[in-house]
């Protein structure tokens, strides 16, 4: 009798995946997009990579990458939202991006990454 092979768990999914439910519509001065609320571990890691301080990004890259990853809207809606958000001052845009991540379930209310991840 052969031993049954154990199934490996995807450790990134186990550590970082977010299952937050259905998408949430958000509005910025009449420009709407839908935010995803479910992310694989790899997608969650990709979100954190946007914010690495050891790999500087331009503000426009941060906004574009964040909206692209967090939204499940069509490309035109995402582009309109990015263009509108880039009209804001950097501190305002930063707060909006943080709030989007909170709604998406990738940050806690105090801005920490992975509020729902369990050990």
PDB file of N, CA and C in Angstrom:
ATOM      1  N   UNK A   1       0.856  -1.177   0.000  1.00  0.00           N
ATOM      2  CA  UNK A   1       0.000   0.000   0.000  1.00  0.00           C
ATOM      3  C   UNK A   1       0.899   1.237   0.000  1.00  0.00           C
ATOM      4  N   UNK A   2       0.627   2.144  -0.903  1.00  0.00           N
ATOM      5  CA  UNK A   2       1.436   3.357  -0.986  1.00  0.00           C
ATOM      6  C   UNK A   2       0.832   4.449  -0.121  1.00  0.00           C
ATOM      7  N   UNK A   3       1.725   5.257   0.391  1.00  0.00           N
ATOM      8  CA  UNK A   3       1.279   6.370   1.232  1.00  0.00           C
ATOM      9  C   UNK A   3       0.609   7.427   0.365  1.00  0.00           C
ATOM     10  N   UNK A   4      -0.439   8.003   0.882  1.00  0.00           N
ATOM     11  CA  UNK A   4      -1.157   9.053   0.164  1.00  0.00           C
ATOM     12  C   UNK A   4      -0.334  10.339   0.204  1.00  0.00           C
ATOM     13  N   UNK A   5      -0.127  10.930  -0.971  1.00  0.00           N
ATOM     14  CA  UNK A   5       0.653  12.165  -1.053  1.00  0.00           C
ATOM     15  C   UNK A   5      -0.155  13.318  -0.464  1.00  0.00           C
ATOM     16  N   UNK A   6       0.498  14.103   0.370  1.00  0.00           N
ATOM     17  CA  UNK A   6      -0.153  15.265   0.963  1.00  0.00           C
ATOM     18  C   UNK A   6      -0.294  16.359  -0.082  1.00  0.00           C
ATOM     19  N   UNK A   7      -1.379  17.067  -0.022  1.00  0.00           N
ATOM     20  CA  UNK A   7      -1.608  18.189  -0.925  1.00  0.00           C
ATOM     21  C   UNK A   7      -1.005  19.442  -0.312  1.00  0.00           C
ATOM     22  N   UNK A   8      -0.197  20.120  -1.094  1.00  0.00           N
ATOM     23  CA  UNK A   8       0.426  21.358  -0.616  1.00  0.00           C
ATOM     24  C   UNK A   8      -0.582  22.500  -0.669  1.00  0.00           C
ATOM     25  N   UNK A   9      -0.532  23.363   0.325  1.00  0.00           N
ATOM     26  CA  UNK A   9      -1.375  24.553   0.297  1.00  0.00           C
ATOM     27  C   UNK A   9      -0.602  25.681  -0.380  1.00  0.00           C
ATOM     28  N   UNK A  10      -1.311  26.555  -1.031  1.00  0.00           N
ATOM     29  CA  UNK A  10      -0.695  27.751  -1.613  1.00  0.00           C
ATOM     30  C   UNK A  10      -0.513  28.732  -0.461  1.00  0.00           C
ATOM     31  N   UNK A  11       0.707  28.870   0.007  1.00  0.00           N
ATOM     32  CA  UNK A  11       0.972  29.652   1.214  1.00  0.00           C
ATOM     33  C   UNK A  11       0.666  31.132   1.023  1.00  0.00           C
ATOM     34  N   UNK A  12       0.852  31.665  -0.190  1.00  0.00           N
ATOM     35  CA  UNK A  12       0.488  33.068  -0.425  1.00  0.00           C
ATOM     36  C   UNK A  12      -1.015  33.265  -0.278  1.00  0.00           C
ATOM     37  N   UNK A  13      -1.800  32.330  -0.817  1.00  0.00           N
ATOM     38  CA  UNK A  13      -3.249  32.436  -0.644  1.00  0.00           C
ATOM     39  C   UNK A  13      -3.628  32.297   0.827  1.00  0.00           C
ATOM     40  N   UNK A  14      -3.016  31.344   1.497  1.00  0.00           N
ATOM     41  CA  UNK A  14      -3.335  31.132   2.908  1.00  0.00           C
ATOM     42  C   UNK A  14      -2.992  32.352   3.754  1.00  0.00           C
ATOM     43  N   UNK A  15      -1.899  33.026   3.410  1.00  0.00           N
ATOM     44  CA  UNK A  15      -1.437  34.162   4.207  1.00  0.00           C
ATOM     45  C   UNK A  15      -2.069  35.483   3.807  1.00  0.00           C
ATOM     46  N   UNK A  16      -2.349  35.685   2.512  1.00  0.00           N
ATOM     47  CA  UNK A  16      -2.689  37.022   2.041  1.00  0.00           C
ATOM     48  C   UNK A  16      -4.034  37.169   1.338  1.00  0.00           C
ATOM     49  N   UNK A  17      -4.643  36.094   0.890  1.00  0.00           N
ATOM     50  CA  UNK A  17      -5.883  36.208   0.117  1.00  0.00           C
ATOM     51  C   UNK A  17      -6.963  36.934   0.912  1.00  0.00           C
ATOM     52  N   UNK A  18      -7.793  37.669   0.194  1.00  0.00           N
ATOM     53  CA  UNK A  18      -8.898  38.419   0.798  1.00  0.00           C
ATOM     54  C   UNK A  18     -10.191  37.979   0.123  1.00  0.00           C
ATOM     55  N   UNK A  19     -11.163  37.578   0.927  1.00  0.00           N
ATOM     56  CA  UNK A  19     -12.489  37.219   0.433  1.00  0.00           C
ATOM     57  C   UNK A  19     -13.480  38.176   1.077  1.00  0.00           C
ATOM     58  N   UNK A  20     -13.702  39.322   0.420  1.00  0.00           N
ATOM     59  CA  UNK A  20     -14.509  40.378   1.012  1.00  0.00           C
ATOM     60  C   UNK A  20     -15.920  40.495   0.484  1.00  0.00           C
ATOM     61  N   UNK A  21     -16.315  39.620  -0.428  1.00  0.00           N
ATOM     62  CA  UNK A  21     -17.674  39.668  -0.936  1.00  0.00           C
ATOM     63  C   UNK A  21     -17.773  40.355  -2.285  1.00  0.00           C
ATOM     64  N   UNK A  22     -18.988  40.752  -2.637  1.00  0.00           N
ATOM     65  CA  UNK A  22     -19.211  41.343  -3.963  1.00  0.00           C
ATOM     66  C   UNK A  22     -18.528  42.697  -4.122  1.00  0.00           C
ATOM     67  N   UNK A  23     -18.309  43.067  -5.365  1.00  0.00           N
ATOM     68  CA  UNK A  23     -17.689  44.359  -5.676  1.00  0.00           C
ATOM     69  C   UNK A  23     -18.520  45.506  -5.119  1.00  0.00           C
ATOM     70  N   UNK A  24     -17.854  46.656  -4.897  1.00  0.00           N
ATOM     71  CA  UNK A  24     -18.501  47.854  -4.353  1.00  0.00           C
ATOM     72  C   UNK A  24     -18.301  49.010  -5.318  1.00  0.00           C
ATOM     73  N   UNK A  25     -19.380  49.663  -5.698  1.00  0.00           N
ATOM     74  CA  UNK A  25     -19.305  50.832  -6.567  1.00  0.00           C
ATOM     75  C   UNK A  25     -18.863  52.038  -5.741  1.00  0.00           C
ATOM     76  N   UNK A  26     -17.899  52.832  -6.275  1.00  0.00           N
ATOM     77  CA  UNK A  26     -17.478  54.070  -5.619  1.00  0.00           C
ATOM     78  C   UNK A  26     -17.595  55.216  -6.614  1.00  0.00           C
ATOM     79  N   UNK A  27     -17.679  56.447  -6.088  1.00  0.00           N
ATOM     80  CA  UNK A  27     -17.898  57.634  -6.912  1.00  0.00           C
ATOM     81  C   UNK A  27     -16.923  58.731  -6.510  1.00  0.00           C
ATOM     82  N   UNK A  28     -16.312  59.378  -7.496  1.00  0.00           N
ATOM     83  CA  UNK A  28     -15.447  60.535  -7.276  1.00  0.00           C
ATOM     84  C   UNK A  28     -15.954  61.643  -8.183  1.00  0.00           C
ATOM     85  N   UNK A  29     -16.732  62.559  -7.619  1.00  0.00           N
ATOM     86  CA  UNK A  29     -17.306  63.668  -8.388  1.00  0.00           C
ATOM     87  C   UNK A  29     -18.002  63.196  -9.660  1.00  0.00           C
ATOM     88  N   UNK A  30     -18.804  62.158  -9.543  1.00  0.00           N
ATOM     89  CA  UNK A  30     -19.570  61.661 -10.677  1.00  0.00           C
ATOM     90  C   UNK A  30     -18.849  60.643 -11.542  1.00  0.00           C
ATOM     91  N   UNK A  31     -17.591  60.373 -11.252  1.00  0.00           N
ATOM     92  CA  UNK A  31     -16.838  59.355 -11.989  1.00  0.00           C
ATOM     93  C   UNK A  31     -16.858  58.085 -11.142  1.00  0.00           C
ATOM     94  N   UNK A  32     -17.514  57.051 -11.645  1.00  0.00           N
ATOM     95  CA  UNK A  32     -17.705  55.830 -10.874  1.00  0.00           C
ATOM     96  C   UNK A  32     -16.854  54.685 -11.400  1.00  0.00           C
ATOM     97  N   UNK A  33     -16.378  53.873 -10.454  1.00  0.00           N
ATOM     98  CA  UNK A  33     -15.776  52.585 -10.781  1.00  0.00           C
ATOM     99  C   UNK A  33     -16.233  51.576  -9.737  1.00  0.00           C
ATOM    100  N   UNK A  34     -16.077  50.333 -10.073  1.00  0.00           N
ATOM    101  CA  UNK A  34     -16.407  49.238  -9.180  1.00  0.00           C
ATOM    102  C   UNK A  34     -15.121  48.691  -8.575  1.00  0.00           C
ATOM    103  N   UNK A  35     -15.102  48.529  -7.246  1.00  0.00           N
ATOM    104  CA  UNK A  35     -13.928  47.974  -6.564  1.00  0.00           C
ATOM    105  C   UNK A  35     -14.144  46.496  -6.269  1.00  0.00           C
ATOM    106  N   UNK A  36     -13.162  45.703  -6.624  1.00  0.00           N
ATOM    107  CA  UNK A  36     -13.173  44.288  -6.275  1.00  0.00           C
ATOM    108  C   UNK A  36     -13.004  44.155  -4.766  1.00  0.00           C
ATOM    109  N   UNK A  37     -13.473  43.040  -4.231  1.00  0.00           N
ATOM    110  CA  UNK A  37     -13.292  42.790  -2.806  1.00  0.00           C
ATOM    111  C   UNK A  37     -12.775  41.378  -2.542  1.00  0.00           C
ATOM    112  N   UNK A  38     -12.390  40.695  -3.613  1.00  0.00           N
ATOM    113  CA  UNK A  38     -11.804  39.359  -3.510  1.00  0.00           C
ATOM    114  C   UNK A  38     -10.477  39.357  -4.260  1.00  0.00           C
ATOM    115  N   UNK A  39      -9.421  38.912  -3.585  1.00  0.00           N
ATOM    116  CA  UNK A  39      -8.080  38.917  -4.160  1.00  0.00           C
ATOM    117  C   UNK A  39      -7.356  37.629  -3.795  1.00  0.00           C
ATOM    118  N   UNK A  40      -6.635  37.071  -4.747  1.00  0.00           N
ATOM    119  CA  UNK A  40      -5.768  35.931  -4.443  1.00  0.00           C
ATOM    120  C   UNK A  40      -4.571  36.444  -3.648  1.00  0.00           C
ATOM    121  N   UNK A  41      -3.816  35.542  -3.092  1.00  0.00           N
ATOM    122  CA  UNK A  41      -2.604  35.939  -2.384  1.00  0.00           C
ATOM    123  C   UNK A  41      -1.623  36.663  -3.292  1.00  0.00           C
ATOM    124  N   UNK A  42      -1.506  36.215  -4.522  1.00  0.00           N
ATOM    125  CA  UNK A  42      -0.599  36.867  -5.471  1.00  0.00           C
ATOM    126  C   UNK A  42      -1.074  38.276  -5.826  1.00  0.00           C
ATOM    127  N   UNK A  43      -2.374  38.457  -5.983  1.00  0.00           N
ATOM    128  CA  UNK A  43      -2.903  39.796  -6.267  1.00  0.00           C
ATOM    129  C   UNK A  43      -2.687  40.722  -5.077  1.00  0.00           C
ATOM    130  N   UNK A  44      -2.872  40.211  -3.863  1.00  0.00           N
ATOM    131  CA  UNK A  44      -2.631  41.021  -2.666  1.00  0.00           C
ATOM    132  C   UNK A  44      -1.160  41.409  -2.579  1.00  0.00           C
ATOM    133  N   UNK A  45      -0.272  40.473  -2.883  1.00  0.00           N
ATOM    134  CA  UNK A  45       1.163  40.777  -2.889  1.00  0.00           C
ATOM    135  C   UNK A  45       1.474  41.834  -3.942  1.00  0.00           C
ATOM    136  N   UNK A  46       0.844  41.734  -5.107  1.00  0.00           N
ATOM    137  CA  UNK A  46       1.049  42.721  -6.173  1.00  0.00           C
ATOM    138  C   UNK A  46       0.633  44.118  -5.703  1.00  0.00           C
ATOM    139  N   UNK A  47      -0.455  44.199  -4.929  1.00  0.00           N
ATOM    140  CA  UNK A  47      -0.895  45.486  -4.386  1.00  0.00           C
ATOM    141  C   UNK A  47       0.172  46.065  -3.457  1.00  0.00           C
ATOM    142  N   UNK A  48       0.708  45.265  -2.571  1.00  0.00           N
ATOM    143  CA  UNK A  48       1.727  45.741  -1.634  1.00  0.00           C
ATOM    144  C   UNK A  48       2.980  46.185  -2.383  1.00  0.00           C
ATOM    145  N   UNK A  49       3.329  45.493  -3.452  1.00  0.00           N
ATOM    146  CA  UNK A  49       4.512  45.848  -4.239  1.00  0.00           C
ATOM    147  C   UNK A  49       4.420  47.274  -4.785  1.00  0.00           C
ATOM    148  N   UNK A  50       3.222  47.748  -5.059  1.00  0.00           N
ATOM    149  CA  UNK A  50       3.040  49.120  -5.551  1.00  0.00           C
ATOM    150  C   UNK A  50       3.607  50.118  -4.550  1.00  0.00           C
ATOM    151  N   UNK A  51       3.520  49.796  -3.264  1.00  0.00           N
ATOM    152  CA  UNK A  51       3.857  50.737  -2.191  1.00  0.00           C
ATOM    153  C   UNK A  51       5.251  50.544  -1.612  1.00  0.00           C
ATOM    154  N   UNK A  52       6.096  49.723  -2.212  1.00  0.00           N
ATOM    155  CA  UNK A  52       7.453  49.501  -1.688  1.00  0.00           C
ATOM    156  C   UNK A  52       8.263  50.785  -1.749  1.00  0.00           C
ATOM    157  N   UNK A  53       8.870  51.153  -0.629  1.00  0.00           N
ATOM    158  CA  UNK A  53       9.659  52.386  -0.595  1.00  0.00           C
ATOM    159  C   UNK A  53      11.051  52.194  -1.175  1.00  0.00           C
ATOM    160  N   UNK A  54      11.490  50.951  -1.293  1.00  0.00           N
ATOM    161  CA  UNK A  54      12.811  50.701  -1.866  1.00  0.00           C
ATOM    162  C   UNK A  54      12.784  50.655  -3.393  1.00  0.00           C
ATOM    163  N   UNK A  55      11.599  50.774  -3.978  1.00  0.00           N
ATOM    164  CA  UNK A  55      11.440  50.827  -5.433  1.00  0.00           C
ATOM    165  C   UNK A  55      10.545  52.017  -5.759  1.00  0.00           C
ATOM    166  N   UNK A  56      11.133  53.203  -5.857  1.00  0.00           N
ATOM    167  CA  UNK A  56      10.326  54.408  -6.062  1.00  0.00           C
ATOM    168  C   UNK A  56       9.453  54.332  -7.314  1.00  0.00           C
ATOM    169  N   UNK A  57       8.228  54.806  -7.181  1.00  0.00           N
ATOM    170  CA  UNK A  57       7.276  54.900  -8.281  1.00  0.00           C
ATOM    171  C   UNK A  57       6.834  56.346  -8.428  1.00  0.00           C
ATOM    172  N   UNK A  58       6.539  56.746  -9.625  1.00  0.00           N
ATOM    173  CA  UNK A  58       5.928  58.053  -9.852  1.00  0.00           C
ATOM    174  C   UNK A  58       4.506  58.018  -9.305  1.00  0.00           C
ATOM    175  N   UNK A  59       4.009  59.161  -8.862  1.00  0.00           N
ATOM    176  CA  UNK A  59       2.643  59.237  -8.343  1.00  0.00           C
ATOM    177  C   UNK A  59       1.632  58.725  -9.355  1.00  0.00           C
ATOM    178  N   UNK A  60       1.831  59.076 -10.623  1.00  0.00           N
ATOM    179  CA  UNK A  60       0.881  58.619 -11.643  1.00  0.00           C
ATOM    180  C   UNK A  60       0.898  57.099 -11.766  1.00  0.00           C
ATOM    181  N   UNK A  61       2.068  56.478 -11.613  1.00  0.00           N
ATOM    182  CA  UNK A  61       2.144  55.017 -11.661  1.00  0.00           C
ATOM    183  C   UNK A  61       1.399  54.393 -10.492  1.00  0.00           C
ATOM    184  N   UNK A  62       1.546  54.977  -9.309  1.00  0.00           N
ATOM    185  CA  UNK A  62       0.869  54.450  -8.125  1.00  0.00           C
ATOM    186  C   UNK A  62      -0.638  54.516  -8.312  1.00  0.00           C
ATOM    187  N   UNK A  63      -1.137  55.646  -8.775  1.00  0.00           N
ATOM    188  CA  UNK A  63      -2.582  55.799  -8.986  1.00  0.00           C
ATOM    189  C   UNK A  63      -3.064  54.809 -10.041  1.00  0.00           C
ATOM    190  N   UNK A  64      -2.388  54.774 -11.172  1.00  0.00           N
ATOM    191  CA  UNK A  64      -2.808  53.901 -12.271  1.00  0.00           C
ATOM    192  C   UNK A  64      -2.775  52.432 -11.866  1.00  0.00           C
ATOM    193  N   UNK A  65      -1.689  51.987 -11.245  1.00  0.00           N
ATOM    194  CA  UNK A  65      -1.564  50.581 -10.850  1.00  0.00           C
ATOM    195  C   UNK A  65      -2.595  50.204  -9.796  1.00  0.00           C
ATOM    196  N   UNK A  66      -2.841  51.112  -8.844  1.00  0.00           N
ATOM    197  CA  UNK A  66      -3.814  50.816  -7.793  1.00  0.00           C
ATOM    198  C   UNK A  66      -5.214  50.675  -8.375  1.00  0.00           C
ATOM    199  N   UNK A  67      -5.624  51.629  -9.209  1.00  0.00           N
ATOM    200  CA  UNK A  67      -6.961  51.562  -9.812  1.00  0.00           C
ATOM    201  C   UNK A  67      -7.077  50.322 -10.693  1.00  0.00           C
ATOM    202  N   UNK A  68      -6.052  50.029 -11.469  1.00  0.00           N
ATOM    203  CA  UNK A  68      -6.075  48.854 -12.353  1.00  0.00           C
ATOM    204  C   UNK A  68      -6.258  47.566 -11.559  1.00  0.00           C
ATOM    205  N   UNK A  69      -5.554  47.433 -10.451  1.00  0.00           N
ATOM    206  CA  UNK A  69      -5.623  46.212  -9.659  1.00  0.00           C
ATOM    207  C   UNK A  69      -6.911  46.108  -8.848  1.00  0.00           C
ATOM    208  N   UNK A  70      -7.353  47.214  -8.267  1.00  0.00           N
ATOM    209  CA  UNK A  70      -8.497  47.150  -7.361  1.00  0.00           C
ATOM    210  C   UNK A  70      -9.847  47.181  -8.063  1.00  0.00           C
ATOM    211  N   UNK A  71      -9.905  47.693  -9.277  1.00  0.00           N
ATOM    212  CA  UNK A  71     -11.197  47.858  -9.941  1.00  0.00           C
ATOM    213  C   UNK A  71     -11.480  46.743 -10.936  1.00  0.00           C
ATOM    214  N   UNK A  72     -12.749  46.355 -11.006  1.00  0.00           N
ATOM    215  CA  UNK A  72     -13.183  45.416 -12.035  1.00  0.00           C
ATOM    216  C   UNK A  72     -14.056  46.110 -13.079  1.00  0.00           C
ATOM    217  N   UNK A  73     -13.994  47.437 -13.123  1.00  0.00           N
ATOM    218  CA  UNK A  73     -14.707  48.208 -14.145  1.00  0.00           C
ATOM    219  C   UNK A  73     -13.993  48.062 -15.488  1.00  0.00           C
ATOM    220  N   UNK A  74     -14.661  48.529 -16.547  1.00  0.00           N
ATOM    221  CA  UNK A  74     -14.020  48.469 -17.860  1.00  0.00           C
ATOM    222  C   UNK A  74     -12.882  49.484 -17.934  1.00  0.00           C
ATOM    223  N   UNK A  75     -12.033  49.330 -18.942  1.00  0.00           N
ATOM    224  CA  UNK A  75     -10.834  50.163 -19.064  1.00  0.00           C
ATOM    225  C   UNK A  75     -11.153  51.648 -19.183  1.00  0.00           C
ATOM    226  N   UNK A  76     -12.231  51.999 -19.893  1.00  0.00           N
ATOM    227  CA  UNK A  76     -12.594  53.412 -20.043  1.00  0.00           C
ATOM    228  C   UNK A  76     -12.970  54.036 -18.705  1.00  0.00           C
ATOM    229  N   UNK A  77     -13.742  53.318 -17.901  1.00  0.00           N
ATOM    230  CA  UNK A  77     -14.143  53.827 -16.587  1.00  0.00           C
ATOM    231  C   UNK A  77     -12.926  53.983 -15.679  1.00  0.00           C
ATOM    232  N   UNK A  78     -12.033  52.998 -15.704  1.00  0.00           N
ATOM    233  CA  UNK A  78     -10.825  53.089 -14.876  1.00  0.00           C
ATOM    234  C   UNK A  78      -9.961  54.272 -15.306  1.00  0.00           C
ATOM    235  N   UNK A  79      -9.810  54.465 -16.616  1.00  0.00           N
ATOM    236  CA  UNK A  79      -9.000  55.576 -17.115  1.00  0.00           C
ATOM    237  C   UNK A  79      -9.602  56.917 -16.709  1.00  0.00           C
ATOM    238  N   UNK A  80     -10.932  57.048 -16.804  1.00  0.00           N
ATOM    239  CA  UNK A  80     -11.601  58.290 -16.404  1.00  0.00           C
ATOM    240  C   UNK A  80     -11.388  58.557 -14.918  1.00  0.00           C
ATOM    241  N   UNK A  81     -11.455  57.505 -14.101  1.00  0.00           N
ATOM    242  CA  UNK A  81     -11.253  57.656 -12.665  1.00  0.00           C
ATOM    243  C   UNK A  81      -9.816  58.080 -12.374  1.00  0.00           C
ATOM    244  N   UNK A  82      -8.848  57.458 -13.032  1.00  0.00           N
ATOM    245  CA  UNK A  82      -7.436  57.824 -12.853  1.00  0.00           C
ATOM    246  C   UNK A  82      -7.227  59.284 -13.228  1.00  0.00           C
ATOM    247  N   UNK A  83      -7.744  59.684 -14.378  1.00  0.00           N
ATOM    248  CA  UNK A  83      -7.577  61.070 -14.830  1.00  0.00           C
ATOM    249  C   UNK A  83      -8.183  62.048 -13.836  1.00  0.00           C
ATOM    250  N   UNK A  84      -9.348  61.715 -13.292  1.00  0.00           N
ATOM    251  CA  UNK A  84      -9.988  62.596 -12.305  1.00  0.00           C
ATOM    252  C   UNK A  84      -9.175  62.646 -11.021  1.00  0.00           C
ATOM    253  N   UNK A  85      -8.718  61.507 -10.535  1.00  0.00           N
ATOM    254  CA  UNK A  85      -7.968  61.464  -9.280  1.00  0.00           C
ATOM    255  C   UNK A  85      -6.630  62.189  -9.402  1.00  0.00           C
ATOM    256  N   UNK A  86      -6.012  62.137 -10.555  1.00  0.00           N
ATOM    257  CA  UNK A  86      -4.728  62.818 -10.748  1.00  0.00           C
ATOM    258  C   UNK A  86      -4.863  64.337 -10.749  1.00  0.00           C
ATOM    259  N   UNK A  87      -6.073  64.854 -10.775  1.00  0.00           N
ATOM    260  CA  UNK A  87      -6.298  66.295 -10.673  1.00  0.00           C
ATOM    261  C   UNK A  87      -6.210  66.773  -9.226  1.00  0.00           C
ATOM    262  N   UNK A  88      -6.240  65.850  -8.287  1.00  0.00           N
ATOM    263  CA  UNK A  88      -6.196  66.184  -6.864  1.00  0.00           C
ATOM    264  C   UNK A  88      -4.755  66.382  -6.398  1.00  0.00           C
ATOM    265  N   UNK A  89      -4.606  67.090  -5.282  1.00  0.00           N
ATOM    266  CA  UNK A  89      -3.298  67.218  -4.638  1.00  0.00           C
ATOM    267  C   UNK A  89      -2.858  65.837  -4.152  1.00  0.00           C
ATOM    268  N   UNK A  90      -1.555  65.622  -4.074  1.00  0.00           N
ATOM    269  CA  UNK A  90      -1.017  64.316  -3.683  1.00  0.00           C
ATOM    270  C   UNK A  90      -1.585  63.798  -2.355  1.00  0.00           C
ATOM    271  N   UNK A  91      -1.703  64.643  -1.301  1.00  0.00           N
ATOM    272  CA  UNK A  91      -2.259  64.119  -0.050  1.00  0.00           C
ATOM    273  C   UNK A  91      -3.708  63.643  -0.198  1.00  0.00           C
ATOM    274  N   UNK A  92      -4.495  64.360  -1.000  1.00  0.00           N
ATOM    275  CA  UNK A  92      -5.883  63.957  -1.226  1.00  0.00           C
ATOM    276  C   UNK A  92      -5.933  62.648  -1.997  1.00  0.00           C
ATOM    277  N   UNK A  93      -5.152  62.558  -3.068  1.00  0.00           N
ATOM    278  CA  UNK A  93      -5.120  61.325  -3.861  1.00  0.00           C
ATOM    279  C   UNK A  93      -4.669  60.147  -3.004  1.00  0.00           C
ATOM    280  N   UNK A  94      -3.687  60.379  -2.150  1.00  0.00           N
ATOM    281  CA  UNK A  94      -3.213  59.322  -1.265  1.00  0.00           C
ATOM    282  C   UNK A  94      -4.294  58.829  -0.327  1.00  0.00           C
ATOM    283  N   UNK A  95      -5.073  59.756   0.219  1.00  0.00           N
ATOM    284  CA  UNK A  95      -6.175  59.368   1.115  1.00  0.00           C
ATOM    285  C   UNK A  95      -7.242  58.585   0.365  1.00  0.00           C
ATOM    286  N   UNK A  96      -7.543  59.017  -0.872  1.00  0.00           N
ATOM    287  CA  UNK A  96      -8.532  58.301  -1.686  1.00  0.00           C
ATOM    288  C   UNK A  96      -8.040  56.881  -1.972  1.00  0.00           C
ATOM    289  N   UNK A  97      -6.771  56.728  -2.349  1.00  0.00           N
ATOM    290  CA  UNK A  97      -6.226  55.401  -2.636  1.00  0.00           C
ATOM    291  C   UNK A  97      -6.251  54.509  -1.398  1.00  0.00           C
ATOM    292  N   UNK A  98      -5.944  55.084  -0.238  1.00  0.00           N
ATOM    293  CA  UNK A  98      -6.001  54.310   1.006  1.00  0.00           C
ATOM    294  C   UNK A  98      -7.424  53.878   1.302  1.00  0.00           C
ATOM    295  N   UNK A  99      -8.389  54.784   1.133  1.00  0.00           N
ATOM    296  CA  UNK A  99      -9.790  54.440   1.390  1.00  0.00           C
ATOM    297  C   UNK A  99     -10.257  53.354   0.422  1.00  0.00           C
ATOM    298  N   UNK A 100      -9.830  53.442  -0.836  1.00  0.00           N
ATOM    299  CA  UNK A 100     -10.182  52.401  -1.806  1.00  0.00           C
ATOM    300  C   UNK A 100      -9.676  51.040  -1.330  1.00  0.00           C
ATOM    301  N   UNK A 101      -8.447  50.990  -0.812  1.00  0.00           N
ATOM    302  CA  UNK A 101      -7.879  49.733  -0.329  1.00  0.00           C
ATOM    303  C   UNK A 101      -8.612  49.235   0.909  1.00  0.00           C
ATOM    304  N   UNK A 102      -9.089  50.149   1.747  1.00  0.00           N
ATOM    305  CA  UNK A 102      -9.879  49.758   2.920  1.00  0.00           C
ATOM    306  C   UNK A 102     -11.188  49.126   2.463  1.00  0.00           C
ATOM    307  N   UNK A 103     -11.872  49.770   1.524  1.00  0.00           N
ATOM    308  CA  UNK A 103     -13.126  49.227   0.984  1.00  0.00           C
ATOM    309  C   UNK A 103     -12.879  47.861   0.342  1.00  0.00           C
ATOM    310  N   UNK A 104     -11.754  47.733  -0.358  1.00  0.00           N
ATOM    311  CA  UNK A 104     -11.420  46.477  -1.036  1.00  0.00           C
ATOM    312  C   UNK A 104     -11.013  45.370  -0.059  1.00  0.00           C
ATOM    313  N   UNK A 105     -10.685  45.743   1.178  1.00  0.00           N
ATOM    314  CA  UNK A 105     -10.300  44.750   2.178  1.00  0.00           C
ATOM    315  C   UNK A 105      -8.816  44.466   2.247  1.00  0.00           C
ATOM    316  N   UNK A 106      -8.005  45.286   1.583  1.00  0.00           N
ATOM    317  CA  UNK A 106      -6.559  45.078   1.598  1.00  0.00           C
ATOM    318  C   UNK A 106      -5.850  45.904   2.665  1.00  0.00           C
ATOM    319  N   UNK A 107      -6.571  46.815   3.311  1.00  0.00           N
ATOM    320  CA  UNK A 107      -6.025  47.607   4.420  1.00  0.00           C
ATOM    321  C   UNK A 107      -7.083  47.712   5.514  1.00  0.00           C
ATOM    322  N   UNK A 108      -6.606  47.894   6.743  1.00  0.00           N
ATOM    323  CA  UNK A 108      -7.514  48.112   7.866  1.00  0.00           C
ATOM    324  C   UNK A 108      -7.876  49.593   7.937  1.00  0.00           C
ATOM    325  N   UNK A 109      -8.783  49.944   8.803  1.00  0.00           N
ATOM    326  CA  UNK A 109      -9.203  51.344   8.952  1.00  0.00           C
ATOM    327  C   UNK A 109      -8.040  52.265   9.303  1.00  0.00           C
ATOM    328  N   UNK A 110      -7.020  51.754   9.968  1.00  0.00           N
ATOM    329  CA  UNK A 110      -5.863  52.593  10.298  1.00  0.00           C
ATOM    330  C   UNK A 110      -4.785  52.548   9.218  1.00  0.00           C
ATOM    331  N   UNK A 111      -5.068  51.910   8.091  1.00  0.00           N
ATOM    332  CA  UNK A 111      -4.161  51.917   6.954  1.00  0.00           C
ATOM    333  C   UNK A 111      -3.172  50.776   6.887  1.00  0.00           C
ATOM    334  N   UNK A 112      -3.201  49.881   7.873  1.00  0.00           N
ATOM    335  CA  UNK A 112      -2.280  48.744   7.848  1.00  0.00           C
ATOM    336  C   UNK A 112      -2.676  47.753   6.759  1.00  0.00           C
ATOM    337  N   UNK A 113      -1.688  47.113   6.156  1.00  0.00           N
ATOM    338  CA  UNK A 113      -1.941  46.112   5.129  1.00  0.00           C
ATOM    339  C   UNK A 113      -2.504  44.831   5.736  1.00  0.00           C
ATOM    340  N   UNK A 114      -3.315  44.135   4.980  1.00  0.00           N
ATOM    341  CA  UNK A 114      -3.835  42.800   5.287  1.00  0.00           C
ATOM    342  C   UNK A 114      -4.593  42.687   6.608  1.00  0.00           C
ATOM    343  N   UNK A 115      -5.667  43.444   6.776  1.00  0.00           N
ATOM    344  CA  UNK A 115      -6.407  43.363   8.032  1.00  0.00           C
ATOM    345  C   UNK A 115      -7.077  42.022   8.253  1.00  0.00           C
ATOM    346  N   UNK A 116      -7.454  41.329   7.182  1.00  0.00           N
ATOM    347  CA  UNK A 116      -8.176  40.069   7.323  1.00  0.00           C
ATOM    348  C   UNK A 116      -7.293  38.842   7.297  1.00  0.00           C
ATOM    349  N   UNK A 117      -6.009  39.021   7.034  1.00  0.00           N
ATOM    350  CA  UNK A 117      -5.108  37.870   6.946  1.00  0.00           C
ATOM    351  C   UNK A 117      -4.936  37.249   8.320  1.00  0.00           C
ATOM    352  N   UNK A 118      -4.985  35.949   8.360  1.00  0.00           N
ATOM    353  CA  UNK A 118      -4.809  35.261   9.639  1.00  0.00           C
ATOM    354  C   UNK A 118      -3.511  34.478   9.627  1.00  0.00           C
ATOM    355  N   UNK A 119      -3.005  34.246  10.814  1.00  0.00           N
ATOM    356  CA  UNK A 119      -1.735  33.512  10.931  1.00  0.00           C
ATOM    357  C   UNK A 119      -1.960  32.036  10.777  1.00  0.00           C
TER     358      UNK A 119
END
